Amino acid sequence: MTSFFSCDWGTTSFRLRRVNAATGHVIDERREASGARVLFSSCAPGDTAAREKAFANFLRKQLRLMAENDVTSLDRDILSATFLTG
């Protein structure tokens, strides 16, 4: 593994970083002003399935956007992960 993802998903903001596994340096980063609260409140109260889907779709989108920035340096196992294609 040459890199890994680090995610800081707070109540009011979202940060996703791709980190070089050997050096610990941040290779790429995505930031969003809307955090978990916005996604949580966008779903009907008590609709756990809708919440799970909303969070998964949001994270999937962020990973895809990051991959579009620099596809050649992402690990093949990351790009082929079921999560990205689901």
N, C-alpha and C. Protein backbone atom coordinates (compact mmCIF):
# COMPACT_ATOMS: atom_id res chain seq x y z
N MET A 1 0.85 -1.17 0.00
CA MET A 1 0.00 0.00 0.00
C MET A 1 0.90 1.24 0.00
N THR A 2 0.65 2.12 -0.94
CA THR A 2 1.45 3.34 -1.02
C THR A 2 0.75 4.54 -0.41
N SER A 3 -0.58 4.47 -0.29
CA SER A 3 -1.32 5.57 0.31
C SER A 3 -2.57 5.05 1.00
N PHE A 4 -3.13 5.90 1.86
CA PHE A 4 -4.37 5.55 2.54
C PHE A 4 -5.21 6.80 2.70
N PHE A 5 -6.49 6.62 3.03
CA PHE A 5 -7.39 7.74 3.22
C PHE A 5 -7.56 8.02 4.71
N SER A 6 -7.63 9.29 5.03
CA SER A 6 -7.93 9.75 6.38
C SER A 6 -9.16 10.64 6.28
N CYS A 7 -10.17 10.35 7.08
CA CYS A 7 -11.41 11.11 7.01
C CYS A 7 -11.73 11.71 8.36
N ASP A 8 -11.98 13.00 8.36
CA ASP A 8 -12.41 13.73 9.56
C ASP A 8 -13.80 14.29 9.24
N TRP A 9 -14.82 13.58 9.67
CA TRP A 9 -16.19 13.92 9.33
C TRP A 9 -16.88 14.43 10.59
N GLY A 10 -16.79 15.73 10.78
CA GLY A 10 -17.37 16.34 11.96
C GLY A 10 -18.81 16.76 11.77
N THR A 11 -19.35 17.35 12.79
CA THR A 11 -20.74 17.81 12.77
C THR A 11 -20.96 18.90 11.73
N THR A 12 -19.98 19.80 11.59
CA THR A 12 -20.17 20.96 10.72
C THR A 12 -19.27 20.99 9.49
N SER A 13 -18.34 20.06 9.36
CA SER A 13 -17.47 20.06 8.18
C SER A 13 -16.96 18.65 7.89
N PHE A 14 -16.47 18.47 6.68
CA PHE A 14 -15.97 17.19 6.20
C PHE A 14 -14.59 17.40 5.58
N ARG A 15 -13.64 16.55 5.95
CA ARG A 15 -12.30 16.60 5.36
C ARG A 15 -11.85 15.19 5.04
N LEU A 16 -11.43 14.99 3.81
CA LEU A 16 -10.92 13.71 3.34
C LEU A 16 -9.52 13.94 2.81
N ARG A 17 -8.57 13.16 3.29
CA ARG A 17 -7.20 13.31 2.84
C ARG A 17 -6.67 11.96 2.35
N ARG A 18 -5.85 12.03 1.30
CA ARG A 18 -5.10 10.86 0.86
C ARG A 18 -3.67 11.09 1.33
N VAL A 19 -3.14 10.12 2.06
CA VAL A 19 -1.86 10.28 2.74
C VAL A 19 -0.85 9.27 2.21
N ASN A 20 0.37 9.72 1.99
CA ASN A 20 1.46 8.83 1.60
C ASN A 20 1.77 7.94 2.80
N ALA A 21 1.68 6.63 2.62
CA ALA A 21 1.86 5.70 3.73
C ALA A 21 3.29 5.71 4.27
N ALA A 22 4.25 5.95 3.42
CA ALA A 22 5.66 5.92 3.86
C ALA A 22 6.07 7.19 4.59
N THR A 23 5.58 8.34 4.13
CA THR A 23 6.05 9.61 4.69
C THR A 23 5.06 10.29 5.61
N GLY A 24 3.77 9.94 5.48
CA GLY A 24 2.73 10.61 6.26
C GLY A 24 2.31 11.95 5.69
N HIS A 25 2.86 12.32 4.54
CA HIS A 25 2.50 13.59 3.91
C HIS A 25 1.15 13.50 3.21
N VAL A 26 0.38 14.56 3.28
CA VAL A 26 -0.91 14.62 2.61
C VAL A 26 -0.68 14.82 1.12
N ILE A 27 -1.23 13.92 0.30
CA ILE A 27 -1.09 13.96 -1.15
C ILE A 27 -2.21 14.78 -1.77
N ASP A 28 -3.40 14.62 -1.24
CA ASP A 28 -4.58 15.29 -1.78
C ASP A 28 -5.57 15.50 -0.64
N GLU A 29 -6.42 16.50 -0.79
CA GLU A 29 -7.38 16.79 0.26
C GLU A 29 -8.66 17.37 -0.34
N ARG A 30 -9.79 16.96 0.21
CA ARG A 30 -11.10 17.52 -0.14
C ARG A 30 -11.73 18.04 1.13
N ARG A 31 -12.35 19.21 1.03
CA ARG A 31 -13.04 19.81 2.17
C ARG A 31 -14.44 20.22 1.74
N GLU A 32 -15.38 20.03 2.64
CA GLU A 32 -16.76 20.45 2.43
C GLU A 32 -17.22 21.16 3.69
N ALA A 33 -17.94 22.24 3.51
CA ALA A 33 -18.43 23.01 4.65
C ALA A 33 -19.59 22.31 5.37
N SER A 34 -20.27 21.42 4.68
CA SER A 34 -21.39 20.72 5.31
C SER A 34 -20.90 19.42 5.92
N GLY A 35 -21.19 19.25 7.19
CA GLY A 35 -20.77 18.06 7.89
C GLY A 35 -21.90 17.06 8.07
N ALA A 36 -21.73 16.20 9.04
CA ALA A 36 -22.68 15.13 9.29
C ALA A 36 -24.07 15.65 9.66
N ARG A 37 -24.14 16.78 10.31
CA ARG A 37 -25.44 17.33 10.72
C ARG A 37 -26.34 17.59 9.52
N VAL A 38 -25.77 18.16 8.46
CA VAL A 38 -26.56 18.47 7.27
C VAL A 38 -27.11 17.19 6.64
N LEU A 39 -26.27 16.18 6.49
CA LEU A 39 -26.75 14.92 5.92
C LEU A 39 -27.79 14.26 6.81
N PHE A 40 -27.53 14.25 8.10
CA PHE A 40 -28.44 13.62 9.04
C PHE A 40 -29.82 14.28 8.98
N SER A 41 -29.84 15.61 8.96
CA SER A 41 -31.12 16.32 8.97
C SER A 41 -31.82 16.31 7.62
N SER A 42 -31.12 15.91 6.57
CA SER A 42 -31.75 15.86 5.24
C SER A 42 -32.63 14.63 5.07
N CYS A 43 -32.56 13.70 6.01
CA CYS A 43 -33.36 12.47 5.93
C CYS A 43 -34.51 12.52 6.93
N ALA A 44 -35.55 11.78 6.61
CA ALA A 44 -36.72 11.72 7.48
C ALA A 44 -36.33 11.15 8.85
N PRO A 45 -36.87 11.70 9.92
CA PRO A 45 -36.57 11.18 11.26
C PRO A 45 -36.87 9.68 11.36
N GLY A 46 -35.92 8.95 11.89
CA GLY A 46 -36.09 7.51 12.07
C GLY A 46 -35.82 6.66 10.85
N ASP A 47 -35.53 7.27 9.72
CA ASP A 47 -35.28 6.51 8.49
C ASP A 47 -33.79 6.15 8.40
N THR A 48 -33.42 5.12 9.13
CA THR A 48 -32.02 4.69 9.20
C THR A 48 -31.47 4.30 7.85
N ALA A 49 -32.25 3.61 7.05
CA ALA A 49 -31.78 3.18 5.72
C ALA A 49 -31.46 4.38 4.84
N ALA A 50 -32.31 5.40 4.88
CA ALA A 50 -32.07 6.61 4.08
C ALA A 50 -30.81 7.33 4.56
N ARG A 51 -30.61 7.36 5.85
CA ARG A 51 -29.40 8.01 6.40
C ARG A 51 -28.15 7.27 5.95
N GLU A 52 -28.17 5.95 6.08
CA GLU A 52 -27.01 5.15 5.66
C GLU A 52 -26.70 5.39 4.19
N LYS A 53 -27.73 5.42 3.38
CA LYS A 53 -27.55 5.64 1.95
C LYS A 53 -27.01 7.04 1.67
N ALA A 54 -27.53 8.05 2.36
CA ALA A 54 -27.07 9.43 2.16
C ALA A 54 -25.60 9.57 2.53
N PHE A 55 -25.19 8.99 3.66
CA PHE A 55 -23.79 9.08 4.07
C PHE A 55 -22.88 8.32 3.11
N ALA A 56 -23.29 7.12 2.70
CA ALA A 56 -22.48 6.33 1.77
C ALA A 56 -22.35 7.04 0.42
N ASN A 57 -23.45 7.59 -0.08
CA ASN A 57 -23.40 8.30 -1.36
C ASN A 57 -22.50 9.54 -1.29
N PHE A 58 -22.56 10.26 -0.19
CA PHE A 58 -21.73 11.45 -0.03
C PHE A 58 -20.25 11.07 -0.03
N LEU A 59 -19.90 10.05 0.75
CA LEU A 59 -18.50 9.62 0.82
C LEU A 59 -18.03 9.07 -0.52
N ARG A 60 -18.88 8.29 -1.17
CA ARG A 60 -18.54 7.75 -2.49
C ARG A 60 -18.25 8.89 -3.48
N LYS A 61 -19.08 9.93 -3.44
CA LYS A 61 -18.88 11.08 -4.33
C LYS A 61 -17.54 11.76 -4.05
N GLN A 62 -17.22 11.95 -2.78
CA GLN A 62 -15.96 12.60 -2.43
C GLN A 62 -14.76 11.78 -2.88
N LEU A 63 -14.83 10.46 -2.73
CA LEU A 63 -13.75 9.59 -3.18
C LEU A 63 -13.60 9.63 -4.69
N ARG A 64 -14.72 9.65 -5.40
CA ARG A 64 -14.66 9.74 -6.87
C ARG A 64 -14.06 11.07 -7.31
N LEU A 65 -14.45 12.16 -6.67
CA LEU A 65 -13.90 13.46 -7.02
C LEU A 65 -12.39 13.50 -6.77
N MET A 66 -11.97 12.89 -5.69
CA MET A 66 -10.55 12.85 -5.39
C MET A 66 -9.82 12.00 -6.43
N ALA A 67 -10.42 10.89 -6.81
CA ALA A 67 -9.80 10.01 -7.80
C ALA A 67 -9.66 10.71 -9.14
N GLU A 68 -10.61 11.55 -9.49
CA GLU A 68 -10.55 12.28 -10.75
C GLU A 68 -9.37 13.25 -10.78
N ASN A 69 -8.93 13.72 -9.61
CA ASN A 69 -7.80 14.64 -9.55
C ASN A 69 -6.50 13.99 -9.97
N ASP A 70 -6.31 12.73 -9.60
CA ASP A 70 -5.03 12.08 -9.88
C ASP A 70 -5.19 10.57 -9.88
N VAL A 71 -5.83 10.06 -10.89
CA VAL A 71 -6.12 8.63 -10.98
C VAL A 71 -4.86 7.79 -11.01
N THR A 72 -3.82 8.27 -11.67
CA THR A 72 -2.63 7.44 -11.87
C THR A 72 -1.90 7.11 -10.59
N SER A 73 -2.01 7.93 -9.56
CA SER A 73 -1.25 7.65 -8.34
C SER A 73 -2.05 6.92 -7.27
N LEU A 74 -3.34 6.72 -7.50
CA LEU A 74 -4.12 5.96 -6.53
C LEU A 74 -3.82 4.47 -6.66
N ASP A 75 -3.80 3.78 -5.55
CA ASP A 75 -3.56 2.35 -5.58
C ASP A 75 -4.67 1.65 -6.35
N ARG A 76 -4.31 0.63 -7.12
CA ARG A 76 -5.31 -0.11 -7.90
C ARG A 76 -6.36 -0.74 -7.01
N ASP A 77 -5.97 -1.22 -5.84
CA ASP A 77 -6.95 -1.85 -4.95
C ASP A 77 -7.97 -0.84 -4.44
N ILE A 78 -7.58 0.41 -4.30
CA ILE A 78 -8.51 1.45 -3.87
C ILE A 78 -9.51 1.74 -4.98
N LEU A 79 -9.01 1.88 -6.21
CA LEU A 79 -9.90 2.20 -7.34
C LEU A 79 -10.87 1.07 -7.64
N SER A 80 -10.46 -0.15 -7.41
CA SER A 80 -11.34 -1.27 -7.73
C SER A 80 -12.24 -1.68 -6.57
N ALA A 81 -12.16 -0.96 -5.48
CA ALA A 81 -12.97 -1.30 -4.30
C ALA A 81 -14.45 -1.24 -4.63
N THR A 82 -15.19 -2.15 -4.09
CA THR A 82 -16.63 -2.20 -4.31
C THR A 82 -17.30 -0.91 -3.89
N PHE A 83 -16.77 -0.28 -2.85
CA PHE A 83 -17.38 0.95 -2.35
C PHE A 83 -17.43 2.03 -3.42
N LEU A 84 -16.41 2.12 -4.25
CA LEU A 84 -16.38 3.16 -5.27
C LEU A 84 -17.33 2.87 -6.42
N THR A 85 -17.61 1.62 -6.66
CA THR A 85 -18.44 1.26 -7.80
C THR A 85 -19.89 1.00 -7.42
N GLY A 86 -20.18 0.97 -6.14
CA GLY A 86 -21.53 0.66 -5.69
C GLY A 86 -22.54 1.73 -5.91
